[in-house]
Amino acid sequence: MDGDAESWFATWVELARRLCDQAERSEAHGRQVTARDAYLRAAGYYATALVSIDATA
């Protein structure tokens, strides 16, 4: 639903989790820079998700 804070949160968290999975795979293959970049992007997506939760309080 448009404007639904819970859906917004869930979508950003799912994207962040996928990036964390990608980062772990990259790290396992010795691709440290790629892993770092994916972790940093995931952190940004988690932060974006938190903004929607703040809006519901």
PDB file of N, CA and C in Angstrom:
ATOM      1  N   MET A   1       0.828  -1.178   0.000  1.00  0.00           N
ATOM      2  CA  MET A   1       0.000   0.000   0.000  1.00  0.00           C
ATOM      3  C   MET A   1       0.880   1.251   0.000  1.00  0.00           C
ATOM      4  N   ASP A   2       0.489   2.235  -0.755  1.00  0.00           N
ATOM      5  CA  ASP A   2       1.222   3.489  -0.746  1.00  0.00           C
ATOM      6  C   ASP A   2       1.060   4.175   0.601  1.00  0.00           C
ATOM      7  N   GLY A   3       2.162   4.724   1.100  1.00  0.00           N
ATOM      8  CA  GLY A   3       2.114   5.440   2.361  1.00  0.00           C
ATOM      9  C   GLY A   3       2.082   4.544   3.590  1.00  0.00           C
ATOM     10  N   ASP A   4       2.260   3.261   3.417  1.00  0.00           N
ATOM     11  CA  ASP A   4       2.231   2.302   4.517  1.00  0.00           C
ATOM     12  C   ASP A   4       3.640   2.151   5.086  1.00  0.00           C
ATOM     13  N   ALA A   5       3.855   2.671   6.297  1.00  0.00           N
ATOM     14  CA  ALA A   5       5.186   2.668   6.906  1.00  0.00           C
ATOM     15  C   ALA A   5       5.714   1.252   7.122  1.00  0.00           C
ATOM     16  N   GLU A   6       4.843   0.318   7.467  1.00  0.00           N
ATOM     17  CA  GLU A   6       5.292  -1.050   7.696  1.00  0.00           C
ATOM     18  C   GLU A   6       5.779  -1.711   6.412  1.00  0.00           C
ATOM     19  N   SER A   7       5.089  -1.476   5.312  1.00  0.00           N
ATOM     20  CA  SER A   7       5.529  -2.010   4.020  1.00  0.00           C
ATOM     21  C   SER A   7       6.847  -1.387   3.594  1.00  0.00           C
ATOM     22  N   TRP A   8       6.970  -0.091   3.816  1.00  0.00           N
ATOM     23  CA  TRP A   8       8.212   0.625   3.504  1.00  0.00           C
ATOM     24  C   TRP A   8       9.365  -0.008   4.282  1.00  0.00           C
ATOM     25  N   PHE A   9       9.158  -0.203   5.579  1.00  0.00           N
ATOM     26  CA  PHE A   9      10.167  -0.802   6.442  1.00  0.00           C
ATOM     27  C   PHE A   9      10.555  -2.193   5.943  1.00  0.00           C
ATOM     28  N   ALA A  10       9.565  -3.035   5.705  1.00  0.00           N
ATOM     29  CA  ALA A  10       9.821  -4.412   5.280  1.00  0.00           C
ATOM     30  C   ALA A  10      10.581  -4.473   3.963  1.00  0.00           C
ATOM     31  N   THR A  11      10.250  -3.600   3.043  1.00  0.00           N
ATOM     32  CA  THR A  11      10.913  -3.583   1.739  1.00  0.00           C
ATOM     33  C   THR A  11      12.384  -3.210   1.869  1.00  0.00           C
ATOM     34  N   TRP A  12      12.677  -2.164   2.637  1.00  0.00           N
ATOM     35  CA  TRP A  12      14.069  -1.737   2.817  1.00  0.00           C
ATOM     36  C   TRP A  12      14.874  -2.766   3.597  1.00  0.00           C
ATOM     37  N   VAL A  13      14.264  -3.394   4.602  1.00  0.00           N
ATOM     38  CA  VAL A  13      14.968  -4.419   5.372  1.00  0.00           C
ATOM     39  C   VAL A  13      15.283  -5.623   4.489  1.00  0.00           C
ATOM     40  N   GLU A  14      14.345  -6.031   3.667  1.00  0.00           N
ATOM     41  CA  GLU A  14      14.584  -7.164   2.765  1.00  0.00           C
ATOM     42  C   GLU A  14      15.731  -6.859   1.803  1.00  0.00           C
ATOM     43  N   LEU A  15      15.755  -5.669   1.266  1.00  0.00           N
ATOM     44  CA  LEU A  15      16.845  -5.278   0.371  1.00  0.00           C
ATOM     45  C   LEU A  15      18.181  -5.299   1.117  1.00  0.00           C
ATOM     46  N   ALA A  16      18.190  -4.792   2.336  1.00  0.00           N
ATOM     47  CA  ALA A  16      19.413  -4.785   3.140  1.00  0.00           C
ATOM     48  C   ALA A  16      19.875  -6.210   3.428  1.00  0.00           C
ATOM     49  N   ARG A  17      18.957  -7.088   3.743  1.00  0.00           N
ATOM     50  CA  ARG A  17      19.320  -8.488   4.018  1.00  0.00           C
ATOM     51  C   ARG A  17      19.916  -9.156   2.784  1.00  0.00           C
ATOM     52  N   ARG A  18      19.352  -8.885   1.626  1.00  0.00           N
ATOM     53  CA  ARG A  18      19.911  -9.456   0.396  1.00  0.00           C
ATOM     54  C   ARG A  18      21.329  -8.961   0.162  1.00  0.00           C
ATOM     55  N   LEU A  19      21.567  -7.683   0.453  1.00  0.00           N
ATOM     56  CA  LEU A  19      22.919  -7.139   0.303  1.00  0.00           C
ATOM     57  C   LEU A  19      23.879  -7.755   1.309  1.00  0.00           C
ATOM     58  N   CYS A  20      23.421  -8.005   2.520  1.00  0.00           N
ATOM     59  CA  CYS A  20      24.273  -8.670   3.508  1.00  0.00           C
ATOM     60  C   CYS A  20      24.637 -10.086   3.038  1.00  0.00           C
ATOM     61  N   ASP A  21      23.676 -10.787   2.462  1.00  0.00           N
ATOM     62  CA  ASP A  21      23.959 -12.115   1.907  1.00  0.00           C
ATOM     63  C   ASP A  21      25.004 -12.023   0.798  1.00  0.00           C
ATOM     64  N   GLN A  22      24.840 -11.036  -0.067  1.00  0.00           N
ATOM     65  CA  GLN A  22      25.803 -10.820  -1.151  1.00  0.00           C
ATOM     66  C   GLN A  22      27.185 -10.515  -0.572  1.00  0.00           C
ATOM     67  N   ALA A  23      27.223  -9.676   0.454  1.00  0.00           N
ATOM     68  CA  ALA A  23      28.491  -9.315   1.088  1.00  0.00           C
ATOM     69  C   ALA A  23      29.167 -10.547   1.678  1.00  0.00           C
ATOM     70  N   GLU A  24      28.397 -11.402   2.326  1.00  0.00           N
ATOM     71  CA  GLU A  24      28.964 -12.618   2.916  1.00  0.00           C
ATOM     72  C   GLU A  24      29.532 -13.538   1.845  1.00  0.00           C
ATOM     73  N   ARG A  25      28.837 -13.666   0.728  1.00  0.00           N
ATOM     74  CA  ARG A  25      29.351 -14.490  -0.374  1.00  0.00           C
ATOM     75  C   ARG A  25      30.642 -13.895  -0.931  1.00  0.00           C
ATOM     76  N   SER A  26      30.654 -12.592  -1.090  1.00  0.00           N
ATOM     77  CA  SER A  26      31.854 -11.924  -1.608  1.00  0.00           C
ATOM     78  C   SER A  26      33.025 -12.122  -0.649  1.00  0.00           C
ATOM     79  N   GLU A  27      32.750 -11.967   0.631  1.00  0.00           N
ATOM     80  CA  GLU A  27      33.798 -12.134   1.637  1.00  0.00           C
ATOM     81  C   GLU A  27      34.342 -13.560   1.623  1.00  0.00           C
ATOM     82  N   ALA A  28      33.453 -14.532   1.480  1.00  0.00           N
ATOM     83  CA  ALA A  28      33.871 -15.935   1.443  1.00  0.00           C
ATOM     84  C   ALA A  28      34.771 -16.243   0.257  1.00  0.00           C
ATOM     85  N   HIS A  29      34.621 -15.468  -0.810  1.00  0.00           N
ATOM     86  CA  HIS A  29      35.445 -15.646  -2.010  1.00  0.00           C
ATOM     87  C   HIS A  29      36.655 -14.708  -2.032  1.00  0.00           C
ATOM     88  N   GLY A  30      36.902 -14.049  -0.909  1.00  0.00           N
ATOM     89  CA  GLY A  30      38.076 -13.198  -0.812  1.00  0.00           C
ATOM     90  C   GLY A  30      37.941 -11.839  -1.464  1.00  0.00           C
ATOM     91  N   ARG A  31      36.747 -11.456  -1.837  1.00  0.00           N
ATOM     92  CA  ARG A  31      36.516 -10.147  -2.458  1.00  0.00           C
ATOM     93  C   ARG A  31      36.169  -9.134  -1.381  1.00  0.00           C
ATOM     94  N   GLN A  32      37.194  -8.673  -0.696  1.00  0.00           N
ATOM     95  CA  GLN A  32      37.019  -7.806   0.460  1.00  0.00           C
ATOM     96  C   GLN A  32      36.388  -6.455   0.118  1.00  0.00           C
ATOM     97  N   VAL A  33      36.818  -5.840  -0.960  1.00  0.00           N
ATOM     98  CA  VAL A  33      36.289  -4.520  -1.328  1.00  0.00           C
ATOM     99  C   VAL A  33      34.815  -4.631  -1.722  1.00  0.00           C
ATOM    100  N   THR A  34      34.494  -5.650  -2.491  1.00  0.00           N
ATOM    101  CA  THR A  34      33.097  -5.858  -2.883  1.00  0.00           C
ATOM    102  C   THR A  34      32.233  -6.119  -1.652  1.00  0.00           C
ATOM    103  N   ALA A  35      32.749  -6.926  -0.724  1.00  0.00           N
ATOM    104  CA  ALA A  35      32.013  -7.211   0.509  1.00  0.00           C
ATOM    105  C   ALA A  35      31.806  -5.938   1.313  1.00  0.00           C
ATOM    106  N   ARG A  36      32.856  -5.152   1.454  1.00  0.00           N
ATOM    107  CA  ARG A  36      32.752  -3.894   2.209  1.00  0.00           C
ATOM    108  C   ARG A  36      31.693  -2.986   1.607  1.00  0.00           C
ATOM    109  N   ASP A  37      31.726  -2.835   0.297  1.00  0.00           N
ATOM    110  CA  ASP A  37      30.754  -1.962  -0.364  1.00  0.00           C
ATOM    111  C   ASP A  37      29.320  -2.449  -0.149  1.00  0.00           C
ATOM    112  N   ALA A  38      29.111  -3.752  -0.207  1.00  0.00           N
ATOM    113  CA  ALA A  38      27.766  -4.298  -0.002  1.00  0.00           C
ATOM    114  C   ALA A  38      27.311  -4.087   1.438  1.00  0.00           C
ATOM    115  N   TYR A  39      28.211  -4.287   2.395  1.00  0.00           N
ATOM    116  CA  TYR A  39      27.853  -4.040   3.797  1.00  0.00           C
ATOM    117  C   TYR A  39      27.495  -2.570   4.020  1.00  0.00           C
ATOM    118  N   LEU A  40      28.250  -1.677   3.424  1.00  0.00           N
ATOM    119  CA  LEU A  40      27.962  -0.247   3.588  1.00  0.00           C
ATOM    120  C   LEU A  40      26.616   0.129   2.966  1.00  0.00           C
ATOM    121  N   ARG A  41      26.333  -0.419   1.802  1.00  0.00           N
ATOM    122  CA  ARG A  41      25.024  -0.161   1.181  1.00  0.00           C
ATOM    123  C   ARG A  41      23.906  -0.716   2.044  1.00  0.00           C
ATOM    124  N   ALA A  42      24.100  -1.916   2.578  1.00  0.00           N
ATOM    125  CA  ALA A  42      23.090  -2.527   3.447  1.00  0.00           C
ATOM    126  C   ALA A  42      22.845  -1.657   4.677  1.00  0.00           C
ATOM    127  N   ALA A  43      23.898  -1.126   5.257  1.00  0.00           N
ATOM    128  CA  ALA A  43      23.742  -0.258   6.433  1.00  0.00           C
ATOM    129  C   ALA A  43      22.890   0.960   6.089  1.00  0.00           C
ATOM    130  N   GLY A  44      23.107   1.519   4.918  1.00  0.00           N
ATOM    131  CA  GLY A  44      22.302   2.657   4.482  1.00  0.00           C
ATOM    132  C   GLY A  44      20.841   2.283   4.306  1.00  0.00           C
ATOM    133  N   TYR A  45      20.593   1.085   3.790  1.00  0.00           N
ATOM    134  CA  TYR A  45      19.215   0.635   3.603  1.00  0.00           C
ATOM    135  C   TYR A  45      18.534   0.364   4.944  1.00  0.00           C
ATOM    136  N   TYR A  46      19.288  -0.195   5.897  1.00  0.00           N
ATOM    137  CA  TYR A  46      18.722  -0.369   7.237  1.00  0.00           C
ATOM    138  C   TYR A  46      18.376   0.992   7.845  1.00  0.00           C
ATOM    139  N   ALA A  47      19.232   1.970   7.650  1.00  0.00           N
ATOM    140  CA  ALA A  47      18.966   3.318   8.175  1.00  0.00           C
ATOM    141  C   ALA A  47      17.712   3.908   7.537  1.00  0.00           C
ATOM    142  N   THR A  48      17.548   3.715   6.248  1.00  0.00           N
ATOM    143  CA  THR A  48      16.356   4.203   5.561  1.00  0.00           C
ATOM    144  C   THR A  48      15.105   3.533   6.124  1.00  0.00           C
ATOM    145  N   ALA A  49      15.202   2.240   6.419  1.00  0.00           N
ATOM    146  CA  ALA A  49      14.061   1.516   7.000  1.00  0.00           C
ATOM    147  C   ALA A  49      13.683   2.119   8.354  1.00  0.00           C
ATOM    148  N   LEU A  50      14.682   2.487   9.137  1.00  0.00           N
ATOM    149  CA  LEU A  50      14.401   3.031  10.469  1.00  0.00           C
ATOM    150  C   LEU A  50      13.666   4.359  10.415  1.00  0.00           C
ATOM    151  N   VAL A  51      13.886   5.126   9.366  1.00  0.00           N
ATOM    152  CA  VAL A  51      13.182   6.401   9.222  1.00  0.00           C
ATOM    153  C   VAL A  51      11.680   6.181   9.178  1.00  0.00           C
ATOM    154  N   SER A  52      11.250   5.116   8.507  1.00  0.00           N
ATOM    155  CA  SER A  52       9.816   4.849   8.406  1.00  0.00           C
ATOM    156  C   SER A  52       9.226   4.460   9.752  1.00  0.00           C
ATOM    157  N   ILE A  53      10.002   3.784  10.585  1.00  0.00           N
ATOM    158  CA  ILE A  53       9.513   3.404  11.909  1.00  0.00           C
ATOM    159  C   ILE A  53       9.383   4.645  12.793  1.00  0.00           C
ATOM    160  N   ASP A  54      10.344   5.547  12.689  1.00  0.00           N
ATOM    161  CA  ASP A  54      10.251   6.803  13.448  1.00  0.00           C
ATOM    162  C   ASP A  54       8.993   7.579  13.081  1.00  0.00           C
ATOM    163  N   ALA A  55       8.581   7.472  11.834  1.00  0.00           N
ATOM    164  CA  ALA A  55       7.409   8.217  11.366  1.00  0.00           C
ATOM    165  C   ALA A  55       6.096   7.659  11.947  1.00  0.00           C
ATOM    166  N   THR A  56       6.125   6.441  12.449  1.00  0.00           N
ATOM    167  CA  THR A  56       4.897   5.830  12.967  1.00  0.00           C
ATOM    168  C   THR A  56       4.676   6.124  14.452  1.00  0.00           C
ATOM    169  N   ALA A  57       5.693   6.656  15.111  1.00  0.00           N
ATOM    170  CA  ALA A  57       5.585   6.900  16.563  1.00  0.00           C
ATOM    171  C   ALA A  57       4.735   8.108  16.864  1.00  0.00           C
TER     172      ALA A  57
END
